[in-house]
Amino acid sequence: VRADGRAAEGGRAADRGGGGGDARRQRSARQESCWDADSGYSFGLCCNSLWGERGLENCWNEAFSFERCCHFHAGTGNEMSLPLLDIEELHIAPAPHRVGHEPVLRLRQDLSKGAWTEQVPGFLWKQACAMHRWLEDLPDVLFRGRRILELGTGIGLLSLHAALRGGLVTGTDGSSRSLALARGNAELNLDPALAWNHLTWRLVRWEDAQSDESVRLLGLSGPYAVVICSALLYAPLAAIRHLVRLLWLATDDDSQILWGSGAVNDAAERAQKWSLLLRCFEVDEAIDAVAAGYTVVENTTVLRLRRRHRRRRRHAAVGSDGTPACE
């Protein structure tokens, strides 16, 4: 059904773009942005891999190319289209100051059907793009030769970036589908030596990692110098309690946690989850990601967290209320 719908849209796009390209010349003359509601051109139509590796050819001319419009470039706002539930492959271009140091990443998504909770880790999300742009701005010394853990790696964008910067990265997720996809994306984009020697993948469900012994049995070995967490507050409250405990077990007082805010519709629920995190960790730095140019998605924040110093720690043992322990 989707393919038939796309074919119908493609016919209309061909009509707009045919006849010597008059419609496309008018489009290039009146706008700088690739996408315009009045013209009928959209990311979902033009960039869909159902048409082939370069999307729908009728969308392109001398002013508008697949590379310009469909690659996720810094500052273009393409992340507003995310999540893209029917596009199999996305292209993430490096920020201008990283060009020559990193390739355009080809990231495949998992479009197979299933329960929504099973599908979520198989897509790229807005917050991951903002986190990626922030990581690009951080110095190489934060990554090179350092042990890095990502919790909730999804399709692998942030773990791949950290490995490209020289990090020794362990990417984790609670979804085996997600990990298979992330591993495939590493093989697709990285030199084999880099993929084998700088990236490890582990299936980690937070509730199974609540003690030093259980963490070791899952293949994790803290403390990590850096822990990357993108948009994890979407998880249920009980899972956030497990997450905080795992973060504590995976870090020490020198560790940095790079945290990206995610959409939580219920403000009271978000405050409750955030308060659990702040029992054991404190904010070193908070950055408005829109003002910094990392995204155009409003209310996106990226933060640097550290363990609370002992005298400021809101300590409580795990009790009947599930409060996370900071010891």
Protein backbone atom coordinates (compact mmCIF):
# COMPACT_ATOMS: atom_id res chain seq x y z
CA VAL A 1 0.00 0.00 0.00
CA ARG A 2 2.79 2.40 0.92
CA ALA A 3 4.65 1.71 -2.31
CA ASP A 4 1.45 2.33 -4.33
CA GLY A 5 0.89 5.60 -2.48
CA ARG A 6 4.45 6.68 -3.13
CA ALA A 7 4.05 5.80 -6.80
CA ALA A 8 0.99 8.02 -7.03
CA GLU A 9 2.85 10.88 -5.35
CA GLY A 10 5.77 10.26 -7.66
CA GLY A 11 3.53 10.64 -10.68
CA ARG A 12 2.41 14.02 -9.41
CA ALA A 13 6.02 15.01 -8.73
CA ALA A 14 6.95 13.91 -12.23
CA ASP A 15 4.18 16.12 -13.61
CA ARG A 16 5.48 19.06 -11.60
CA GLY A 17 9.07 18.41 -12.57
CA GLY A 18 8.55 17.40 -16.19
CA GLY A 19 8.10 19.44 -19.32
CA GLY A 20 11.67 20.73 -19.40
CA GLY A 21 11.85 21.29 -15.65
CA ASP A 22 9.86 24.57 -15.57
CA ALA A 23 8.35 23.81 -12.16
CA ARG A 24 11.75 23.03 -10.71
CA ARG A 25 13.26 26.24 -12.09
CA GLN A 26 10.46 28.22 -10.46
CA ARG A 27 11.06 26.37 -7.24
CA SER A 28 14.79 27.16 -7.20
CA ALA A 29 14.13 30.80 -8.02
CA ARG A 30 11.76 31.40 -5.14
CA GLN A 31 13.20 29.43 -2.23
CA GLU A 32 16.44 28.44 -0.58
CA SER A 33 15.00 25.60 1.47
CA CYS A 34 14.61 22.20 -0.17
CA TRP A 35 11.12 21.72 1.22
CA ASP A 36 8.09 23.89 0.71
CA ALA A 37 4.52 22.90 1.48
CA ASP A 38 3.16 24.86 -1.48
CA SER A 39 5.42 23.11 -4.00
CA GLY A 40 4.50 19.62 -2.82
CA TYR A 41 8.13 18.60 -2.43
CA SER A 42 8.88 16.95 0.91
CA PHE A 43 11.61 14.89 2.54
CA GLY A 44 9.33 11.88 2.78
CA LEU A 45 8.52 11.98 -0.92
CA CYS A 46 11.83 12.96 -2.50
CA CYS A 47 14.27 11.10 -0.23
CA ASN A 48 12.46 7.81 0.11
CA SER A 49 14.74 4.89 -0.72
CA LEU A 50 11.77 3.08 -2.28
CA TRP A 51 12.66 5.07 -5.41
CA GLY A 52 16.28 3.95 -5.36
CA GLU A 53 19.54 5.01 -3.74
CA ARG A 54 19.07 8.66 -4.75
CA GLY A 55 15.39 8.96 -3.97
CA LEU A 56 12.97 10.33 -6.55
CA GLU A 57 14.99 11.70 -9.49
CA ASN A 58 12.20 14.08 -10.55
CA CYS A 59 12.86 16.10 -7.38
CA TRP A 60 16.38 17.10 -8.43
CA ASN A 61 17.87 19.75 -10.68
CA GLU A 62 20.95 21.97 -10.75
CA ALA A 63 19.86 23.77 -7.57
CA PHE A 64 18.41 20.89 -5.59
CA SER A 65 20.30 17.60 -5.33
CA PHE A 66 19.89 14.44 -3.28
CA GLU A 67 23.09 15.30 -1.38
CA ARG A 68 21.93 18.81 -0.54
CA CYS A 69 18.37 17.97 0.42
CA CYS A 70 18.36 14.41 1.74
CA HIS A 71 21.60 14.30 3.69
CA PHE A 72 21.23 15.43 7.29
CA HIS A 73 23.48 18.50 7.29
CA ALA A 74 24.06 20.64 10.37
CA GLY A 75 21.62 23.54 10.49
CA THR A 76 19.25 22.41 7.71
CA GLY A 77 16.46 21.28 10.03
CA ASN A 78 15.97 17.89 8.35
CA GLU A 79 15.80 16.39 11.84
CA MET A 80 12.30 17.88 12.12
CA SER A 81 11.16 15.07 9.80
CA LEU A 82 12.23 12.40 12.29
CA PRO A 83 11.27 9.72 12.99
CA LEU A 84 10.95 8.61 9.36
CA LEU A 85 8.98 5.40 9.57
CA ASP A 86 9.16 4.37 5.91
CA ILE A 87 12.69 5.33 4.84
CA GLU A 88 15.17 2.50 5.08
CA GLU A 89 18.46 4.41 4.82
CA LEU A 90 19.43 7.85 6.15
CA HIS A 91 22.57 9.85 5.37
CA ILE A 92 24.21 11.85 8.17
CA ALA A 93 26.72 14.42 6.90
CA PRO A 94 29.48 15.64 9.22
CA ALA A 95 29.45 19.21 10.48
CA PRO A 96 31.55 21.58 8.34
CA HIS A 97 34.49 21.49 10.76
CA ARG A 98 34.45 17.65 10.71
CA VAL A 99 34.44 17.30 6.90
CA GLY A 100 37.56 15.39 5.90
CA HIS A 101 37.76 13.72 9.31
CA GLU A 102 34.56 11.69 9.07
CA PRO A 103 32.51 10.20 6.24
CA VAL A 104 28.86 10.72 5.46
CA LEU A 105 27.30 7.98 7.58
CA ARG A 106 24.78 5.69 5.93
CA LEU A 107 22.42 4.50 8.65
CA ARG A 108 19.89 1.81 7.96
CA GLN A 109 16.65 1.69 9.91
CA ASP A 110 14.60 -1.38 10.77
CA LEU A 111 11.22 -1.05 9.05
CA SER A 112 9.99 -4.50 10.02
CA LYS A 113 6.67 -4.63 11.80
CA GLY A 114 6.06 -5.39 15.44
CA ALA A 115 4.82 -3.82 18.63
CA TRP A 116 5.66 -0.12 18.82
CA THR A 117 8.00 -0.70 21.76
CA GLU A 118 9.92 -3.12 19.54
CA GLN A 119 10.03 -0.69 16.63
CA VAL A 120 11.20 2.39 18.56
CA PRO A 121 14.92 1.43 18.81
CA GLY A 122 15.05 0.78 15.07
CA PHE A 123 14.54 4.43 14.06
CA LEU A 124 16.66 7.57 14.27
CA TRP A 125 15.14 10.21 16.57
CA LYS A 126 15.43 13.98 16.78
CA GLN A 127 17.38 13.96 20.04
CA ALA A 128 20.07 11.64 18.66
CA CYS A 129 20.75 14.17 15.90
CA ALA A 130 21.13 16.97 18.44
CA MET A 131 23.44 14.81 20.55
CA HIS A 132 25.52 13.95 17.48
CA ARG A 133 26.04 17.65 16.66
CA TRP A 134 27.05 18.30 20.27
CA LEU A 135 29.53 15.41 20.25
CA GLU A 136 31.05 16.81 17.06
CA ASP A 137 31.80 20.04 18.94
CA LEU A 138 33.57 18.27 21.81
CA PRO A 139 37.37 17.92 21.73
CA ASP A 140 39.08 14.76 20.47
CA VAL A 141 40.74 14.25 23.85
CA LEU A 142 37.35 13.38 25.34
CA PHE A 143 37.18 10.32 23.05
CA ARG A 144 40.62 9.19 21.92
CA GLY A 145 41.74 6.05 23.73
CA ARG A 146 39.06 6.39 26.41
CA ARG A 147 36.52 3.79 27.46
CA ILE A 148 33.03 4.93 26.49
CA LEU A 149 29.64 3.38 27.23
CA GLU A 150 26.40 4.19 25.44
CA LEU A 151 23.09 3.22 27.03
CA GLY A 152 20.26 2.91 24.51
CA THR A 153 22.33 2.94 21.34
CA GLY A 154 19.40 2.44 18.95
CA ILE A 155 20.69 2.31 15.37
CA GLY A 156 24.20 3.20 16.54
CA LEU A 157 24.82 6.80 15.42
CA LEU A 158 26.45 8.06 18.61
CA SER A 159 28.53 4.94 19.23
CA LEU A 160 29.82 5.07 15.66
CA HIS A 161 30.79 8.71 16.08
CA ALA A 162 32.62 8.02 19.34
CA ALA A 163 34.53 5.15 17.70
CA LEU A 164 35.47 7.35 14.73
CA ARG A 165 36.93 9.82 17.24
CA GLY A 166 39.14 7.08 18.69
CA GLY A 167 37.01 5.93 21.60
CA LEU A 168 36.88 2.35 22.86
CA VAL A 169 33.13 2.07 22.77
CA THR A 170 30.62 -0.35 24.22
CA GLY A 171 27.18 0.21 22.72
CA THR A 172 24.28 -1.29 24.62
CA ASP A 173 20.56 -1.65 24.15
CA GLY A 174 17.76 -3.74 25.57
CA SER A 175 16.66 -4.71 22.05
CA SER A 176 18.45 -7.46 20.16
CA ARG A 177 16.91 -6.09 16.93
CA SER A 178 18.50 -2.73 17.64
CA LEU A 179 21.93 -4.22 18.34
CA ALA A 180 21.89 -6.26 15.13
CA LEU A 181 21.04 -3.08 13.23
CA ALA A 182 23.75 -1.04 14.98
CA ARG A 183 26.36 -3.71 14.29
CA GLY A 184 25.32 -3.74 10.63
CA ASN A 185 25.64 0.04 10.46
CA ALA A 186 29.14 -0.18 11.93
CA GLU A 187 30.13 -2.72 9.28
CA LEU A 188 28.59 -0.52 6.58
CA ASN A 189 30.46 2.64 7.60
CA LEU A 190 33.67 1.79 9.41
CA ASP A 191 36.97 0.26 8.43
CA PRO A 192 36.91 -3.37 9.61
CA ALA A 193 39.80 -2.84 12.03
CA LEU A 194 37.99 0.11 13.61
CA ALA A 195 34.68 -1.75 13.78
CA TRP A 196 36.30 -4.78 15.43
CA ASN A 197 38.77 -3.05 17.76
CA HIS A 198 36.89 0.05 18.85
CA LEU A 199 33.30 -1.18 19.08
CA THR A 200 31.67 -3.81 21.28
CA TRP A 201 27.95 -4.49 21.45
CA ARG A 202 26.13 -5.77 24.52
CA LEU A 203 22.51 -6.70 25.15
CA VAL A 204 21.76 -4.94 28.44
CA ARG A 205 18.36 -4.63 30.05
CA TRP A 206 18.69 -2.17 32.88
CA GLU A 207 16.79 -4.27 35.41
CA ASP A 208 19.36 -7.05 34.90
CA ALA A 209 22.29 -4.75 35.80
CA GLN A 210 21.69 -3.77 39.42
CA SER A 211 24.83 -5.06 41.12
CA ASP A 212 28.56 -5.14 40.43
CA GLU A 213 28.38 -8.86 39.72
CA SER A 214 25.40 -8.64 37.36
CA VAL A 215 27.06 -5.78 35.46
CA ARG A 216 30.18 -7.90 34.94
CA LEU A 217 28.12 -10.89 33.81
CA LEU A 218 26.54 -8.68 31.13
CA GLY A 219 29.99 -7.91 29.74
CA LEU A 220 30.37 -4.40 31.15
CA SER A 221 33.46 -3.28 32.99
CA GLY A 222 33.26 0.08 34.71
CA PRO A 223 34.14 2.68 35.49
CA TYR A 224 33.80 4.27 32.06
CA ALA A 225 35.35 7.65 31.32
CA VAL A 226 32.28 8.74 29.36
CA VAL A 227 28.69 7.48 29.33
CA ILE A 228 26.37 8.62 26.53
CA CYS A 229 22.62 8.74 27.18
CA SER A 230 20.22 10.16 24.61
CA ALA A 231 16.50 10.68 25.30
CA LEU A 232 16.15 7.99 27.94
CA LEU A 233 13.50 9.65 30.11
CA TYR A 234 10.81 8.25 27.81
CA ALA A 235 11.21 4.97 29.72
CA PRO A 236 8.75 4.09 32.52
CA LEU A 237 9.50 5.32 36.02
CA ALA A 238 10.53 1.87 37.27
CA ALA A 239 13.03 1.60 34.42
CA ILE A 240 14.50 5.02 35.27
CA ARG A 241 15.21 3.76 38.79
CA HIS A 242 17.13 0.84 37.27
CA LEU A 243 18.90 3.20 34.89
CA VAL A 244 20.15 5.42 37.72
CA ARG A 245 21.52 2.42 39.59
CA LEU A 246 23.27 1.15 36.45
CA LEU A 247 24.76 4.58 35.80
CA TRP A 248 26.13 4.59 39.33
CA LEU A 249 27.72 1.17 38.89
CA ALA A 250 29.25 2.14 35.53
CA THR A 251 30.87 5.40 36.67
CA ASP A 252 33.17 6.89 39.27
CA ASP A 253 33.79 10.46 40.43
CA ASP A 254 35.87 11.22 37.31
CA SER A 255 33.32 9.95 34.80
CA GLN A 256 31.34 12.28 32.56
CA ILE A 257 27.77 11.52 31.55
CA LEU A 258 26.71 13.18 28.29
CA TRP A 259 22.94 13.43 28.56
CA GLY A 260 20.37 14.50 25.99
CA SER A 261 16.88 15.54 26.99
CA GLY A 262 13.99 13.74 25.38
CA ALA A 263 10.32 14.46 24.96
CA VAL A 264 8.23 13.57 28.01
CA ASN A 265 4.72 14.92 27.51
CA ASP A 266 3.70 14.85 31.16
CA ALA A 267 5.60 17.58 33.03
CA ALA A 268 4.95 16.02 36.43
CA GLU A 269 6.19 12.65 35.21
CA ARG A 270 9.31 14.24 33.75
CA ALA A 271 10.02 16.06 37.04
CA GLN A 272 9.65 12.84 39.00
CA LYS A 273 12.05 10.98 36.72
CA TRP A 274 14.56 13.83 36.72
CA SER A 275 14.48 13.98 40.53
CA LEU A 276 15.51 10.31 40.65
CA LEU A 277 18.52 11.06 38.47
CA LEU A 278 19.49 14.07 40.59
CA ARG A 279 19.59 11.99 43.76
CA CYS A 280 22.90 10.57 42.58
CA PHE A 281 24.14 12.92 39.85
CA GLU A 282 24.46 16.66 39.39
CA VAL A 283 24.52 18.93 36.35
CA ASP A 284 27.96 20.25 35.44
CA GLU A 285 26.82 22.01 32.29
CA ALA A 286 23.49 22.55 30.51
CA ILE A 287 23.33 23.80 26.93
CA ASP A 288 20.35 25.05 24.98
CA ALA A 289 20.80 22.92 21.86
CA VAL A 290 18.78 25.29 19.67
CA ALA A 291 20.82 28.35 20.67
CA ALA A 292 24.03 26.35 20.15
CA GLY A 293 22.96 25.41 16.62
CA TYR A 294 22.75 21.66 17.26
CA THR A 295 19.09 21.40 16.28
CA VAL A 296 16.02 23.42 15.36
CA VAL A 297 13.78 21.33 17.64
CA GLU A 298 12.59 23.62 20.43
CA ASN A 299 13.18 22.76 24.10
CA THR A 300 16.07 20.43 23.35
CA THR A 301 18.84 20.47 25.95
CA VAL A 302 22.15 18.64 26.20
CA LEU A 303 23.84 18.26 29.57
CA ARG A 304 27.05 17.12 31.17
CA LEU A 305 26.46 15.23 34.43
CA ARG A 306 28.74 13.91 37.16
CA ARG A 307 28.31 11.91 40.30
CA ARG A 308 27.29 13.99 43.27
CA HIS A 309 30.06 14.53 45.80
CA ARG A 310 29.47 12.47 48.91
CA ARG A 311 28.53 15.43 51.11
CA ARG A 312 25.88 16.55 48.59
CA ARG A 313 24.55 13.11 47.75
CA ARG A 314 20.88 12.44 48.37
CA HIS A 315 21.59 8.94 49.59
CA ALA A 316 18.97 6.31 50.10
CA ALA A 317 19.25 2.55 49.94
CA VAL A 318 16.98 0.68 47.57
CA GLY A 319 13.75 0.29 49.48
CA SER A 320 10.12 -0.53 48.94
CA ASP A 321 9.70 2.68 46.92
CA GLY A 322 12.44 1.62 44.51
CA THR A 323 14.65 4.63 45.26
CA PRO A 324 18.02 4.15 43.57
CA ALA A 325 21.07 3.59 45.73
CA CYS A 326 24.12 5.78 45.31
CA GLU A 327 26.51 3.41 47.04
